[in-house]
Amino acid sequence: MALSYKARKRLALLILVVGMPAYVVVAVSVVNMLERPPIWAELLVYIGLGFLWALPFRRIFRGIGQPDPDEKN
């Protein structure tokens, strides 16, 4: 069953407000467990983790900035 536009919008907001800060804490914890690698390696880890964060949610975020397609004028 596909999510409605409003449900996707609410879920996207929840992911951004709750999920993203939690993911940032996890990402920083992972880098700290590596015992402070060189700055270039740390940057690569953050870029990689940032890319991996977005992959599972791209279907939810797709089209959220557009007007509601189900709304009747």
PDB file of N, CA and C in Angstrom:
ATOM      1  N   MET A   1       0.828  -1.161   0.000  1.00  0.00           N
ATOM      2  CA  MET A   1       0.000   0.000   0.000  1.00  0.00           C
ATOM      3  C   MET A   1       0.890   1.248   0.000  1.00  0.00           C
ATOM      4  N   ALA A   2       0.650   2.143  -0.924  1.00  0.00           N
ATOM      5  CA  ALA A   2       1.429   3.367  -1.036  1.00  0.00           C
ATOM      6  C   ALA A   2       0.955   4.393  -0.016  1.00  0.00           C
ATOM      7  N   LEU A   3       1.888   5.186   0.470  1.00  0.00           N
ATOM      8  CA  LEU A   3       1.546   6.239   1.420  1.00  0.00           C
ATOM      9  C   LEU A   3       0.952   7.429   0.683  1.00  0.00           C
ATOM     10  N   SER A   4       0.005   8.075   1.300  1.00  0.00           N
ATOM     11  CA  SER A   4      -0.570   9.282   0.712  1.00  0.00           C
ATOM     12  C   SER A   4       0.453  10.411   0.801  1.00  0.00           C
ATOM     13  N   TYR A   5       0.188  11.472   0.086  1.00  0.00           N
ATOM     14  CA  TYR A   5       1.093  12.621   0.082  1.00  0.00           C
ATOM     15  C   TYR A   5       1.221  13.203   1.494  1.00  0.00           C
ATOM     16  N   LYS A   6       0.101  13.344   2.197  1.00  0.00           N
ATOM     17  CA  LYS A   6       0.139  13.905   3.551  1.00  0.00           C
ATOM     18  C   LYS A   6       0.909  12.999   4.509  1.00  0.00           C
ATOM     19  N   ALA A   7       0.733  11.694   4.367  1.00  0.00           N
ATOM     20  CA  ALA A   7       1.453  10.757   5.231  1.00  0.00           C
ATOM     21  C   ALA A   7       2.953  10.818   4.950  1.00  0.00           C
ATOM     22  N   ARG A   8       3.322  10.898   3.670  1.00  0.00           N
ATOM     23  CA  ARG A   8       4.741  11.008   3.319  1.00  0.00           C
ATOM     24  C   ARG A   8       5.332  12.310   3.848  1.00  0.00           C
ATOM     25  N   LYS A   9       4.561  13.388   3.784  1.00  0.00           N
ATOM     26  CA  LYS A   9       5.033  14.682   4.272  1.00  0.00           C
ATOM     27  C   LYS A   9       5.260  14.633   5.786  1.00  0.00           C
ATOM     28  N   ARG A  10       4.330  14.040   6.514  1.00  0.00           N
ATOM     29  CA  ARG A  10       4.474  13.909   7.964  1.00  0.00           C
ATOM     30  C   ARG A  10       5.647  13.002   8.331  1.00  0.00           C
ATOM     31  N   LEU A  11       5.787  11.906   7.605  1.00  0.00           N
ATOM     32  CA  LEU A  11       6.890  10.986   7.859  1.00  0.00           C
ATOM     33  C   LEU A  11       8.230  11.651   7.549  1.00  0.00           C
ATOM     34  N   ALA A  12       8.304  12.416   6.483  1.00  0.00           N
ATOM     35  CA  ALA A  12       9.531  13.136   6.139  1.00  0.00           C
ATOM     36  C   ALA A  12       9.897  14.127   7.234  1.00  0.00           C
ATOM     37  N   LEU A  13       8.913  14.829   7.761  1.00  0.00           N
ATOM     38  CA  LEU A  13       9.163  15.775   8.842  1.00  0.00           C
ATOM     39  C   LEU A  13       9.669  15.055  10.091  1.00  0.00           C
ATOM     40  N   LEU A  14       9.056  13.932  10.422  1.00  0.00           N
ATOM     41  CA  LEU A  14       9.493  13.148  11.573  1.00  0.00           C
ATOM     42  C   LEU A  14      10.928  12.662  11.386  1.00  0.00           C
ATOM     43  N   ILE A  15      11.247  12.209  10.196  1.00  0.00           N
ATOM     44  CA  ILE A  15      12.602  11.737   9.917  1.00  0.00           C
ATOM     45  C   ILE A  15      13.604  12.869  10.075  1.00  0.00           C
ATOM     46  N   LEU A  16      13.267  14.056   9.581  1.00  0.00           N
ATOM     47  CA  LEU A  16      14.190  15.184   9.671  1.00  0.00           C
ATOM     48  C   LEU A  16      14.339  15.710  11.089  1.00  0.00           C
ATOM     49  N   VAL A  17      13.250  15.720  11.857  1.00  0.00           N
ATOM     50  CA  VAL A  17      13.295  16.303  13.199  1.00  0.00           C
ATOM     51  C   VAL A  17      13.846  15.326  14.236  1.00  0.00           C
ATOM     52  N   VAL A  18      13.535  14.050  14.107  1.00  0.00           N
ATOM     53  CA  VAL A  18      13.965  13.064  15.101  1.00  0.00           C
ATOM     54  C   VAL A  18      15.094  12.182  14.568  1.00  0.00           C
ATOM     55  N   GLY A  19      14.925  11.676  13.363  1.00  0.00           N
ATOM     56  CA  GLY A  19      15.877  10.715  12.823  1.00  0.00           C
ATOM     57  C   GLY A  19      17.232  11.290  12.471  1.00  0.00           C
ATOM     58  N   MET A  20      17.245  12.468  11.875  1.00  0.00           N
ATOM     59  CA  MET A  20      18.516  13.041  11.466  1.00  0.00           C
ATOM     60  C   MET A  20      19.422  13.384  12.650  1.00  0.00           C
ATOM     61  N   PRO A  21      18.921  14.041  13.703  1.00  0.00           N
ATOM     62  CA  PRO A  21      19.799  14.282  14.858  1.00  0.00           C
ATOM     63  C   PRO A  21      20.302  12.980  15.498  1.00  0.00           C
ATOM     64  N   ALA A  22      19.459  11.974  15.559  1.00  0.00           N
ATOM     65  CA  ALA A  22      19.892  10.689  16.109  1.00  0.00           C
ATOM     66  C   ALA A  22      20.983  10.082  15.237  1.00  0.00           C
ATOM     67  N   TYR A  23      20.839  10.203  13.927  1.00  0.00           N
ATOM     68  CA  TYR A  23      21.845   9.665  13.014  1.00  0.00           C
ATOM     69  C   TYR A  23      23.161  10.432  13.133  1.00  0.00           C
ATOM     70  N   VAL A  24      23.085  11.737  13.357  1.00  0.00           N
ATOM     71  CA  VAL A  24      24.305  12.530  13.539  1.00  0.00           C
ATOM     72  C   VAL A  24      25.041  12.063  14.789  1.00  0.00           C
ATOM     73  N   VAL A  25      24.320  11.798  15.860  1.00  0.00           N
ATOM     74  CA  VAL A  25      24.945  11.300  17.092  1.00  0.00           C
ATOM     75  C   VAL A  25      25.622   9.955  16.828  1.00  0.00           C
ATOM     76  N   VAL A  26      24.967   9.080  16.096  1.00  0.00           N
ATOM     77  CA  VAL A  26      25.555   7.777  15.770  1.00  0.00           C
ATOM     78  C   VAL A  26      26.797   7.959  14.899  1.00  0.00           C
ATOM     79  N   ALA A  27      26.737   8.844  13.907  1.00  0.00           N
ATOM     80  CA  ALA A  27      27.878   9.061  13.017  1.00  0.00           C
ATOM     81  C   ALA A  27      29.078   9.608  13.786  1.00  0.00           C
ATOM     82  N   VAL A  28      28.852  10.563  14.669  1.00  0.00           N
ATOM     83  CA  VAL A  28      29.946  11.111  15.468  1.00  0.00           C
ATOM     84  C   VAL A  28      30.506  10.046  16.403  1.00  0.00           C
ATOM     85  N   SER A  29      29.656   9.208  16.950  1.00  0.00           N
ATOM     86  CA  SER A  29      30.120   8.127  17.822  1.00  0.00           C
ATOM     87  C   SER A  29      30.982   7.130  17.054  1.00  0.00           C
ATOM     88  N   VAL A  30      30.598   6.832  15.823  1.00  0.00           N
ATOM     89  CA  VAL A  30      31.393   5.918  14.996  1.00  0.00           C
ATOM     90  C   VAL A  30      32.771   6.507  14.727  1.00  0.00           C
ATOM     91  N   VAL A  31      32.829   7.783  14.396  1.00  0.00           N
ATOM     92  CA  VAL A  31      34.123   8.420  14.131  1.00  0.00           C
ATOM     93  C   VAL A  31      34.963   8.474  15.404  1.00  0.00           C
ATOM     94  N   ASN A  32      34.339   8.732  16.546  1.00  0.00           N
ATOM     95  CA  ASN A  32      35.090   8.751  17.807  1.00  0.00           C
ATOM     96  C   ASN A  32      35.627   7.373  18.167  1.00  0.00           C
ATOM     97  N   MET A  33      34.911   6.324  17.787  1.00  0.00           N
ATOM     98  CA  MET A  33      35.402   4.971  18.035  1.00  0.00           C
ATOM     99  C   MET A  33      36.643   4.667  17.204  1.00  0.00           C
ATOM    100  N   LEU A  34      36.832   5.370  16.107  1.00  0.00           N
ATOM    101  CA  LEU A  34      38.013   5.180  15.263  1.00  0.00           C
ATOM    102  C   LEU A  34      39.236   5.903  15.826  1.00  0.00           C
ATOM    103  N   GLU A  35      39.106   6.525  16.975  1.00  0.00           N
ATOM    104  CA  GLU A  35      40.186   7.236  17.655  1.00  0.00           C
ATOM    105  C   GLU A  35      40.769   8.352  16.810  1.00  0.00           C
ATOM    106  N   ARG A  36      39.903   9.223  16.329  1.00  0.00           N
ATOM    107  CA  ARG A  36      40.251  10.452  15.609  1.00  0.00           C
ATOM    108  C   ARG A  36      41.251  10.194  14.468  1.00  0.00           C
ATOM    109  N   PRO A  37      40.721   9.715  13.337  1.00  0.00           N
ATOM    110  CA  PRO A  37      41.582   9.501  12.167  1.00  0.00           C
ATOM    111  C   PRO A  37      42.041  10.841  11.579  1.00  0.00           C
ATOM    112  N   PRO A  38      42.917  10.824  10.582  1.00  0.00           N
ATOM    113  CA  PRO A  38      43.307  12.076   9.926  1.00  0.00           C
ATOM    114  C   PRO A  38      42.073  12.790   9.366  1.00  0.00           C
ATOM    115  N   ILE A  39      42.189  14.095   9.201  1.00  0.00           N
ATOM    116  CA  ILE A  39      41.032  14.906   8.817  1.00  0.00           C
ATOM    117  C   ILE A  39      40.442  14.465   7.485  1.00  0.00           C
ATOM    118  N   TRP A  40      41.257  14.051   6.537  1.00  0.00           N
ATOM    119  CA  TRP A  40      40.734  13.624   5.231  1.00  0.00           C
ATOM    120  C   TRP A  40      39.954  12.321   5.371  1.00  0.00           C
ATOM    121  N   ALA A  41      40.422  11.412   6.228  1.00  0.00           N
ATOM    122  CA  ALA A  41      39.698  10.156   6.443  1.00  0.00           C
ATOM    123  C   ALA A  41      38.390  10.415   7.187  1.00  0.00           C
ATOM    124  N   GLU A  42      38.433  11.328   8.139  1.00  0.00           N
ATOM    125  CA  GLU A  42      37.230  11.683   8.887  1.00  0.00           C
ATOM    126  C   GLU A  42      36.188  12.305   7.944  1.00  0.00           C
ATOM    127  N   LEU A  43      36.641  13.166   7.050  1.00  0.00           N
ATOM    128  CA  LEU A  43      35.742  13.779   6.074  1.00  0.00           C
ATOM    129  C   LEU A  43      35.117  12.719   5.170  1.00  0.00           C
ATOM    130  N   LEU A  44      35.911  11.752   4.717  1.00  0.00           N
ATOM    131  CA  LEU A  44      35.383  10.671   3.877  1.00  0.00           C
ATOM    132  C   LEU A  44      34.344   9.834   4.616  1.00  0.00           C
ATOM    133  N   VAL A  45      34.583   9.582   5.900  1.00  0.00           N
ATOM    134  CA  VAL A  45      33.626   8.808   6.698  1.00  0.00           C
ATOM    135  C   VAL A  45      32.310   9.571   6.821  1.00  0.00           C
ATOM    136  N   TYR A  46      32.379  10.879   7.096  1.00  0.00           N
ATOM    137  CA  TYR A  46      31.156  11.676   7.230  1.00  0.00           C
ATOM    138  C   TYR A  46      30.405  11.768   5.904  1.00  0.00           C
ATOM    139  N   ILE A  47      31.128  11.916   4.814  1.00  0.00           N
ATOM    140  CA  ILE A  47      30.469  11.955   3.500  1.00  0.00           C
ATOM    141  C   ILE A  47      29.801  10.616   3.205  1.00  0.00           C
ATOM    142  N   GLY A  48      30.497   9.535   3.471  1.00  0.00           N
ATOM    143  CA  GLY A  48      29.924   8.205   3.242  1.00  0.00           C
ATOM    144  C   GLY A  48      28.703   7.941   4.104  1.00  0.00           C
ATOM    145  N   LEU A  49      28.780   8.295   5.387  1.00  0.00           N
ATOM    146  CA  LEU A  49      27.638   8.089   6.276  1.00  0.00           C
ATOM    147  C   LEU A  49      26.468   8.995   5.889  1.00  0.00           C
ATOM    148  N   GLY A  50      26.765  10.196   5.428  1.00  0.00           N
ATOM    149  CA  GLY A  50      25.701  11.089   4.977  1.00  0.00           C
ATOM    150  C   GLY A  50      24.999  10.564   3.745  1.00  0.00           C
ATOM    151  N   PHE A  51      25.747   9.973   2.847  1.00  0.00           N
ATOM    152  CA  PHE A  51      25.160   9.380   1.642  1.00  0.00           C
ATOM    153  C   PHE A  51      24.324   8.153   2.002  1.00  0.00           C
ATOM    154  N   LEU A  52      24.837   7.319   2.896  1.00  0.00           N
ATOM    155  CA  LEU A  52      24.094   6.118   3.302  1.00  0.00           C
ATOM    156  C   LEU A  52      22.800   6.460   4.026  1.00  0.00           C
ATOM    157  N   TRP A  53      22.780   7.593   4.751  1.00  0.00           N
ATOM    158  CA  TRP A  53      21.578   8.002   5.465  1.00  0.00           C
ATOM    159  C   TRP A  53      20.441   8.308   4.503  1.00  0.00           C
ATOM    160  N   ALA A  54      20.777   8.895   3.374  1.00  0.00           N
ATOM    161  CA  ALA A  54      19.747   9.354   2.444  1.00  0.00           C
ATOM    162  C   ALA A  54      19.154   8.224   1.606  1.00  0.00           C
ATOM    163  N   LEU A  55      19.876   7.168   1.382  1.00  0.00           N
ATOM    164  CA  LEU A  55      19.413   6.105   0.487  1.00  0.00           C
ATOM    165  C   LEU A  55      18.071   5.481   0.867  1.00  0.00           C
ATOM    166  N   PRO A  56      17.866   5.057   2.104  1.00  0.00           N
ATOM    167  CA  PRO A  56      16.591   4.397   2.397  1.00  0.00           C
ATOM    168  C   PRO A  56      15.376   5.326   2.370  1.00  0.00           C
ATOM    169  N   PHE A  57      15.600   6.631   2.468  1.00  0.00           N
ATOM    170  CA  PHE A  57      14.484   7.566   2.580  1.00  0.00           C
ATOM    171  C   PHE A  57      14.195   8.333   1.303  1.00  0.00           C
ATOM    172  N   ARG A  58      14.875   8.057   0.231  1.00  0.00           N
ATOM    173  CA  ARG A  58      14.688   8.867  -0.981  1.00  0.00           C
ATOM    174  C   ARG A  58      13.282   8.748  -1.555  1.00  0.00           C
ATOM    175  N   ARG A  59      12.626   7.620  -1.400  1.00  0.00           N
ATOM    176  CA  ARG A  59      11.247   7.477  -1.906  1.00  0.00           C
ATOM    177  C   ARG A  59      10.267   8.302  -1.087  1.00  0.00           C
ATOM    178  N   ILE A  60      10.558   8.475   0.200  1.00  0.00           N
ATOM    179  CA  ILE A  60       9.679   9.273   1.048  1.00  0.00           C
ATOM    180  C   ILE A  60       9.822  10.752   0.715  1.00  0.00           C
ATOM    181  N   PHE A  61      11.055  11.205   0.489  1.00  0.00           N
ATOM    182  CA  PHE A  61      11.308  12.623   0.250  1.00  0.00           C
ATOM    183  C   PHE A  61      11.025  13.056  -1.180  1.00  0.00           C
ATOM    184  N   ARG A  62      10.907  12.134  -2.100  1.00  0.00           N
ATOM    185  CA  ARG A  62      10.690  12.496  -3.508  1.00  0.00           C
ATOM    186  C   ARG A  62       9.331  13.184  -3.682  1.00  0.00           C
ATOM    187  N   GLY A  63       9.357  14.408  -4.193  1.00  0.00           N
ATOM    188  CA  GLY A  63       8.140  15.144  -4.498  1.00  0.00           C
ATOM    189  C   GLY A  63       7.498  15.861  -3.333  1.00  0.00           C
ATOM    190  N   ILE A  64       8.130  15.869  -2.163  1.00  0.00           N
ATOM    191  CA  ILE A  64       7.532  16.506  -0.994  1.00  0.00           C
ATOM    192  C   ILE A  64       7.433  18.015  -1.181  1.00  0.00           C
ATOM    193  N   GLY A  65       8.353  18.630  -1.884  1.00  0.00           N
ATOM    194  CA  GLY A  65       8.331  20.070  -2.080  1.00  0.00           C
ATOM    195  C   GLY A  65       7.340  20.545  -3.128  1.00  0.00           C
ATOM    196  N   GLN A  66       6.721  19.622  -3.831  1.00  0.00           N
ATOM    197  CA  GLN A  66       5.750  19.963  -4.879  1.00  0.00           C
ATOM    198  C   GLN A  66       4.365  20.120  -4.260  1.00  0.00           C
ATOM    199  N   PRO A  67       3.461  20.784  -4.967  1.00  0.00           N
ATOM    200  CA  PRO A  67       2.077  20.875  -4.463  1.00  0.00           C
ATOM    201  C   PRO A  67       1.435  19.487  -4.362  1.00  0.00           C
ATOM    202  N   ASP A  68       0.476  19.374  -3.468  1.00  0.00           N
ATOM    203  CA  ASP A  68      -0.212  18.106  -3.250  1.00  0.00           C
ATOM    204  C   ASP A  68      -0.934  17.678  -4.533  1.00  0.00           C
ATOM    205  N   PRO A  69      -0.572  16.519  -5.104  1.00  0.00           N
ATOM    206  CA  PRO A  69      -1.218  16.090  -6.345  1.00  0.00           C
ATOM    207  C   PRO A  69      -2.665  15.636  -6.123  1.00  0.00           C
ATOM    208  N   ASP A  70      -3.036  15.297  -4.906  1.00  0.00           N
ATOM    209  CA  ASP A  70      -4.398  14.830  -4.618  1.00  0.00           C
ATOM    210  C   ASP A  70      -5.355  15.978  -4.285  1.00  0.00           C
ATOM    211  N   GLU A  71      -4.803  17.172  -4.104  1.00  0.00           N
ATOM    212  CA  GLU A  71      -5.631  18.323  -3.739  1.00  0.00           C
ATOM    213  C   GLU A  71      -6.460  18.774  -4.938  1.00  0.00           C
ATOM    214  N   LYS A  72      -7.749  18.995  -4.682  1.00  0.00           N
ATOM    215  CA  LYS A  72      -8.626  19.457  -5.745  1.00  0.00           C
ATOM    216  C   LYS A  72      -8.767  20.957  -5.658  1.00  0.00           C
ATOM    217  N   ASN A  73      -8.637  21.620  -6.786  1.00  0.00           N
ATOM    218  CA  ASN A  73      -8.704  23.089  -6.823  1.00  0.00           C
ATOM    219  C   ASN A  73     -10.109  23.574  -6.781  1.00  0.00           C
TER     220      ASN A  73
END
